[in-house]
Amino acid sequence: MTTVYDFSAQRIEGNEQSLADFRDQVLLVVNTASQCSQTPQYSGLQKLYKTYRKQGFSVLGFPCDQFGHQEPGDENEIANFCSTIYHVTFPMFAKIDVNGSKTLPLYNWLKREAGGLLGGRIKWNFTKFLIGRDGQVIARYAPANTPEKLAGKIEAALAVPAPSRRDSGD
């Protein structure tokens, strides 16, 4: 069975990161943009991260320029914007495609797991996927679902213990 932990992605700083590094955490995977009417959601995402990270929660931000050219900057510009304007400290990744032939494999999997109203396509910036500690998609949320509205869902996911693992070193 495929889980979020089977994927990797390039961090905004340039290094490749395995999502297995987030094993047993609850994750909120979000495609972001810095020049969008939804951009102020960065504040809410940062607040969720700050509130729940010690309980095993992380936001993973994936900048995307596929909707109205609302993320025109390069990785350095995006990182600077996120840190100086919204004080983002959650993990940010390099700019990606979430639709089309160059879609990041992680996003192909997310869309298969939780198709949404457009038959699998991402509709706009700040679409969110909540991932459980087992690495499986719990739910998909439209951009209109602000981070503040997801706090209860995150708390419920955090209440589920991480799956136990057998020692495979027999």
C-alpha atoms as a PDB file:
ATOM      1  CA  MET A   1       0.000   0.000   0.000  1.00  0.00           C
ATOM      2  CA  THR A   2       1.324   3.438  -0.946  1.00  0.00           C
ATOM      3  CA  THR A   3       1.582   6.093   1.752  1.00  0.00           C
ATOM      4  CA  VAL A   4       2.804   9.684   1.825  1.00  0.00           C
ATOM      5  CA  TYR A   5       6.064   8.280   3.197  1.00  0.00           C
ATOM      6  CA  ASP A   6       6.855   6.657  -0.168  1.00  0.00           C
ATOM      7  CA  PHE A   7       7.501  10.072  -1.750  1.00  0.00           C
ATOM      8  CA  SER A   8      10.204  12.695  -1.636  1.00  0.00           C
ATOM      9  CA  ALA A   9      10.322  16.294  -2.785  1.00  0.00           C
ATOM     10  CA  GLN A  10      12.863  19.052  -3.156  1.00  0.00           C
ATOM     11  CA  ARG A  11      12.915  21.506  -0.265  1.00  0.00           C
ATOM     12  CA  ILE A  12      12.823  25.210  -1.065  1.00  0.00           C
ATOM     13  CA  GLU A  13      16.496  25.358  -0.002  1.00  0.00           C
ATOM     14  CA  GLY A  14      17.351  22.852  -2.767  1.00  0.00           C
ATOM     15  CA  ASN A  15      17.911  19.565  -0.927  1.00  0.00           C
ATOM     16  CA  GLU A  16      15.782  16.472  -1.565  1.00  0.00           C
ATOM     17  CA  GLN A  17      13.742  15.326   1.434  1.00  0.00           C
ATOM     18  CA  SER A  18      12.064  12.006   1.947  1.00  0.00           C
ATOM     19  CA  LEU A  19       8.578  12.405   3.346  1.00  0.00           C
ATOM     20  CA  ALA A  20       9.392   9.335   5.442  1.00  0.00           C
ATOM     21  CA  ASP A  21      11.154  11.889   7.659  1.00  0.00           C
ATOM     22  CA  PHE A  22       7.630  12.870   8.760  1.00  0.00           C
ATOM     23  CA  ARG A  23       6.597   9.305   9.655  1.00  0.00           C
ATOM     24  CA  ASP A  24       3.970   9.042  12.416  1.00  0.00           C
ATOM     25  CA  GLN A  25       3.068  12.729  12.137  1.00  0.00           C
ATOM     26  CA  VAL A  26      -0.230  14.232  11.068  1.00  0.00           C
ATOM     27  CA  LEU A  27       0.421  16.342   7.977  1.00  0.00           C
ATOM     28  CA  LEU A  28      -1.405  19.110   6.163  1.00  0.00           C
ATOM     29  CA  VAL A  29      -0.115  19.254   2.575  1.00  0.00           C
ATOM     30  CA  VAL A  30      -0.962  22.571   0.883  1.00  0.00           C
ATOM     31  CA  ASN A  31      -0.242  24.080  -2.542  1.00  0.00           C
ATOM     32  CA  THR A  32       0.548  27.729  -1.889  1.00  0.00           C
ATOM     33  CA  ALA A  33       0.996  31.030  -3.732  1.00  0.00           C
ATOM     34  CA  SER A  34       2.266  34.434  -2.635  1.00  0.00           C
ATOM     35  CA  GLN A  35       0.084  36.675  -4.820  1.00  0.00           C
ATOM     36  CA  CYS A  36      -3.326  35.109  -4.336  1.00  0.00           C
ATOM     37  CA  SER A  37      -6.436  36.273  -2.512  1.00  0.00           C
ATOM     38  CA  GLN A  38      -5.902  33.172  -0.315  1.00  0.00           C
ATOM     39  CA  THR A  39      -2.267  34.094   0.552  1.00  0.00           C
ATOM     40  CA  PRO A  40      -3.215  35.350   4.054  1.00  0.00           C
ATOM     41  CA  GLN A  41      -3.880  31.671   4.860  1.00  0.00           C
ATOM     42  CA  TYR A  42      -0.131  31.449   5.468  1.00  0.00           C
ATOM     43  CA  SER A  43      -0.838  33.081   8.855  1.00  0.00           C
ATOM     44  CA  GLY A  44      -3.400  30.441   9.757  1.00  0.00           C
ATOM     45  CA  LEU A  45      -1.168  27.620   8.547  1.00  0.00           C
ATOM     46  CA  GLN A  46       1.712  28.944  10.652  1.00  0.00           C
ATOM     47  CA  LYS A  47      -0.593  29.207  13.679  1.00  0.00           C
ATOM     48  CA  LEU A  48      -1.706  25.568  13.237  1.00  0.00           C
ATOM     49  CA  TYR A  49       1.917  24.480  12.917  1.00  0.00           C
ATOM     50  CA  LYS A  50       2.972  26.399  16.013  1.00  0.00           C
ATOM     51  CA  THR A  51      -0.013  25.130  18.032  1.00  0.00           C
ATOM     52  CA  TYR A  52       0.241  21.421  17.152  1.00  0.00           C
ATOM     53  CA  ARG A  53       3.830  20.672  16.078  1.00  0.00           C
ATOM     54  CA  LYS A  54       4.877  19.373  19.511  1.00  0.00           C
ATOM     55  CA  GLN A  55       2.012  16.882  19.290  1.00  0.00           C
ATOM     56  CA  GLY A  56       3.344  15.483  16.013  1.00  0.00           C
ATOM     57  CA  PHE A  57       1.844  17.785  13.371  1.00  0.00           C
ATOM     58  CA  SER A  58       3.420  19.533  10.411  1.00  0.00           C
ATOM     59  CA  VAL A  59       2.307  21.683   7.513  1.00  0.00           C
ATOM     60  CA  LEU A  60       4.086  20.997   4.220  1.00  0.00           C
ATOM     61  CA  GLY A  61       3.902  23.948   1.810  1.00  0.00           C
ATOM     62  CA  PHE A  62       4.275  23.424  -1.944  1.00  0.00           C
ATOM     63  CA  PRO A  63       4.367  26.671  -3.954  1.00  0.00           C
ATOM     64  CA  CYS A  64       2.620  26.419  -7.320  1.00  0.00           C
ATOM     65  CA  ASP A  65       2.319  28.893 -10.197  1.00  0.00           C
ATOM     66  CA  GLN A  66      -0.399  27.111 -12.190  1.00  0.00           C
ATOM     67  CA  PHE A  67      -3.301  29.336 -11.140  1.00  0.00           C
ATOM     68  CA  GLY A  68      -3.324  32.878 -12.482  1.00  0.00           C
ATOM     69  CA  HIS A  69       0.501  33.194 -12.341  1.00  0.00           C
ATOM     70  CA  GLN A  70       0.149  33.914  -8.613  1.00  0.00           C
ATOM     71  CA  GLU A  71       3.517  32.442  -7.625  1.00  0.00           C
ATOM     72  CA  PRO A  72       5.894  34.050 -10.141  1.00  0.00           C
ATOM     73  CA  GLY A  73       9.002  34.169  -7.936  1.00  0.00           C
ATOM     74  CA  ASP A  74      11.874  31.726  -7.704  1.00  0.00           C
ATOM     75  CA  GLU A  75      12.542  29.653  -4.600  1.00  0.00           C
ATOM     76  CA  ASN A  76      14.677  32.342  -2.944  1.00  0.00           C
ATOM     77  CA  GLU A  77      11.973  34.976  -3.457  1.00  0.00           C
ATOM     78  CA  ILE A  78       9.271  32.629  -2.177  1.00  0.00           C
ATOM     79  CA  ALA A  79      11.292  31.664   0.907  1.00  0.00           C
ATOM     80  CA  ASN A  80      12.052  35.313   1.663  1.00  0.00           C
ATOM     81  CA  PHE A  81       8.386  36.310   1.226  1.00  0.00           C
ATOM     82  CA  CYS A  82       7.120  33.496   3.460  1.00  0.00           C
ATOM     83  CA  SER A  83       9.621  34.140   6.237  1.00  0.00           C
ATOM     84  CA  THR A  84       9.506  37.943   6.290  1.00  0.00           C
ATOM     85  CA  ILE A  85       5.809  38.593   5.626  1.00  0.00           C
ATOM     86  CA  TYR A  86       4.146  35.573   7.277  1.00  0.00           C
ATOM     87  CA  HIS A  87       6.966  34.315   9.554  1.00  0.00           C
ATOM     88  CA  VAL A  88       6.588  30.799   8.147  1.00  0.00           C
ATOM     89  CA  THR A  89       8.677  28.184   9.929  1.00  0.00           C
ATOM     90  CA  PHE A  90       6.930  25.046   8.646  1.00  0.00           C
ATOM     91  CA  PRO A  91       8.656  23.081   5.868  1.00  0.00           C
ATOM     92  CA  MET A  92       8.414  24.690   2.432  1.00  0.00           C
ATOM     93  CA  PHE A  93       9.276  22.867  -0.752  1.00  0.00           C
ATOM     94  CA  ALA A  94      10.395  23.948  -4.221  1.00  0.00           C
ATOM     95  CA  LYS A  95       7.800  25.229  -6.674  1.00  0.00           C
ATOM     96  CA  ILE A  96       5.860  22.390  -8.308  1.00  0.00           C
ATOM     97  CA  ASP A  97       3.045  21.585 -10.709  1.00  0.00           C
ATOM     98  CA  VAL A  98      -0.081  20.047  -9.167  1.00  0.00           C
ATOM     99  CA  ASN A  99      -1.896  19.415 -12.477  1.00  0.00           C
ATOM    100  CA  GLY A 100      -0.772  18.337 -15.936  1.00  0.00           C
ATOM    101  CA  SER A 101       2.053  16.217 -17.318  1.00  0.00           C
ATOM    102  CA  LYS A 102       4.704  17.603 -14.924  1.00  0.00           C
ATOM    103  CA  THR A 103       2.709  17.027 -11.736  1.00  0.00           C
ATOM    104  CA  LEU A 104       4.813  16.110  -8.735  1.00  0.00           C
ATOM    105  CA  PRO A 105       4.257  12.350  -8.112  1.00  0.00           C
ATOM    106  CA  LEU A 106       3.103  13.111  -4.557  1.00  0.00           C
ATOM    107  CA  TYR A 107       0.268  15.213  -5.961  1.00  0.00           C
ATOM    108  CA  ASN A 108      -0.748  12.513  -8.455  1.00  0.00           C
ATOM    109  CA  TRP A 109      -1.124  10.174  -5.484  1.00  0.00           C
ATOM    110  CA  LEU A 110      -2.972  12.743  -3.343  1.00  0.00           C
ATOM    111  CA  LYS A 111      -5.461  13.407  -6.153  1.00  0.00           C
ATOM    112  CA  ARG A 112      -6.053   9.676  -6.666  1.00  0.00           C
ATOM    113  CA  GLU A 113      -6.664   9.210  -2.946  1.00  0.00           C
ATOM    114  CA  ALA A 114      -9.033  12.197  -2.615  1.00  0.00           C
ATOM    115  CA  GLY A 115     -10.342  13.255  -6.017  1.00  0.00           C
ATOM    116  CA  GLY A 116     -12.366  16.333  -5.181  1.00  0.00           C
ATOM    117  CA  LEU A 117     -15.048  17.974  -7.325  1.00  0.00           C
ATOM    118  CA  LEU A 118     -12.936  18.338 -10.490  1.00  0.00           C
ATOM    119  CA  GLY A 119     -12.293  14.637 -10.976  1.00  0.00           C
ATOM    120  CA  GLY A 120      -8.890  14.698  -9.417  1.00  0.00           C
ATOM    121  CA  ARG A 121      -7.624  18.082 -10.568  1.00  0.00           C
ATOM    122  CA  ILE A 122      -6.565  20.733  -8.103  1.00  0.00           C
ATOM    123  CA  LYS A 123      -8.949  23.676  -8.433  1.00  0.00           C
ATOM    124  CA  TRP A 124      -6.873  26.528  -7.018  1.00  0.00           C
ATOM    125  CA  ASN A 125      -4.143  27.606  -4.617  1.00  0.00           C
ATOM    126  CA  PHE A 126      -4.419  26.529  -0.977  1.00  0.00           C
ATOM    127  CA  THR A 127      -6.110  23.178  -1.596  1.00  0.00           C
ATOM    128  CA  LYS A 128      -5.300  21.116   1.492  1.00  0.00           C
ATOM    129  CA  PHE A 129      -4.843  17.398   2.155  1.00  0.00           C
ATOM    130  CA  LEU A 130      -4.933  16.095   5.728  1.00  0.00           C
ATOM    131  CA  ILE A 131      -2.765  13.010   6.200  1.00  0.00           C
ATOM    132  CA  GLY A 132      -3.023  10.686   9.208  1.00  0.00           C
ATOM    133  CA  ARG A 133      -0.166   9.241  11.237  1.00  0.00           C
ATOM    134  CA  ASP A 134      -0.448   6.096   9.101  1.00  0.00           C
ATOM    135  CA  GLY A 135       0.517   8.088   5.994  1.00  0.00           C
ATOM    136  CA  GLN A 136      -2.942   7.846   4.419  1.00  0.00           C
ATOM    137  CA  VAL A 137      -5.130  10.714   3.211  1.00  0.00           C
ATOM    138  CA  ILE A 138      -7.898  11.507   5.681  1.00  0.00           C
ATOM    139  CA  ALA A 139      -9.566  14.303   3.721  1.00  0.00           C
ATOM    140  CA  ARG A 140      -9.185  16.965   1.058  1.00  0.00           C
ATOM    141  CA  TYR A 141     -10.244  20.562   1.677  1.00  0.00           C
ATOM    142  CA  ALA A 142     -11.035  23.287  -0.841  1.00  0.00           C
ATOM    143  CA  PRO A 143      -9.226  26.643  -0.671  1.00  0.00           C
ATOM    144  CA  ALA A 144     -12.287  28.212   1.000  1.00  0.00           C
ATOM    145  CA  ASN A 145     -11.683  25.964   4.027  1.00  0.00           C
ATOM    146  CA  THR A 146      -9.363  28.214   5.986  1.00  0.00           C
ATOM    147  CA  PRO A 147      -6.757  26.730   8.312  1.00  0.00           C
ATOM    148  CA  GLU A 148      -8.749  27.889  11.343  1.00  0.00           C
ATOM    149  CA  LYS A 149     -11.668  25.684  10.242  1.00  0.00           C
ATOM    150  CA  LEU A 150      -9.408  22.617  10.250  1.00  0.00           C
ATOM    151  CA  ALA A 151      -8.225  22.756  13.865  1.00  0.00           C
ATOM    152  CA  GLY A 152     -10.832  20.251  15.077  1.00  0.00           C
ATOM    153  CA  LYS A 153     -10.004  17.819  12.253  1.00  0.00           C
ATOM    154  CA  ILE A 154      -6.304  18.082  13.080  1.00  0.00           C
ATOM    155  CA  GLU A 155      -6.971  17.488  16.781  1.00  0.00           C
ATOM    156  CA  ALA A 156      -9.025  14.396  15.930  1.00  0.00           C
ATOM    157  CA  ALA A 157      -6.230  13.053  13.709  1.00  0.00           C
ATOM    158  CA  LEU A 158      -3.640  13.734  16.421  1.00  0.00           C
ATOM    159  CA  ALA A 159      -5.724  11.723  18.884  1.00  0.00           C
ATOM    160  CA  VAL A 160      -5.226   8.582  16.785  1.00  0.00           C
ATOM    161  CA  PRO A 161      -2.042   6.809  17.897  1.00  0.00           C
ATOM    162  CA  ALA A 162       0.710   6.040  15.406  1.00  0.00           C
ATOM    163  CA  PRO A 163       0.517   2.528  13.994  1.00  0.00           C
ATOM    164  CA  SER A 164       2.694   0.006  15.779  1.00  0.00           C
ATOM    165  CA  ARG A 165       5.537  -1.435  13.749  1.00  0.00           C
ATOM    166  CA  ARG A 166       7.013  -4.870  13.988  1.00  0.00           C
ATOM    167  CA  ASP A 167      10.744  -5.156  14.308  1.00  0.00           C
ATOM    168  CA  SER A 168      11.827  -6.506  10.927  1.00  0.00           C
ATOM    169  CA  GLY A 169      15.315  -7.409  12.148  1.00  0.00           C
ATOM    170  CA  ASP A 170      14.637 -11.162  12.691  1.00  0.00           C
END
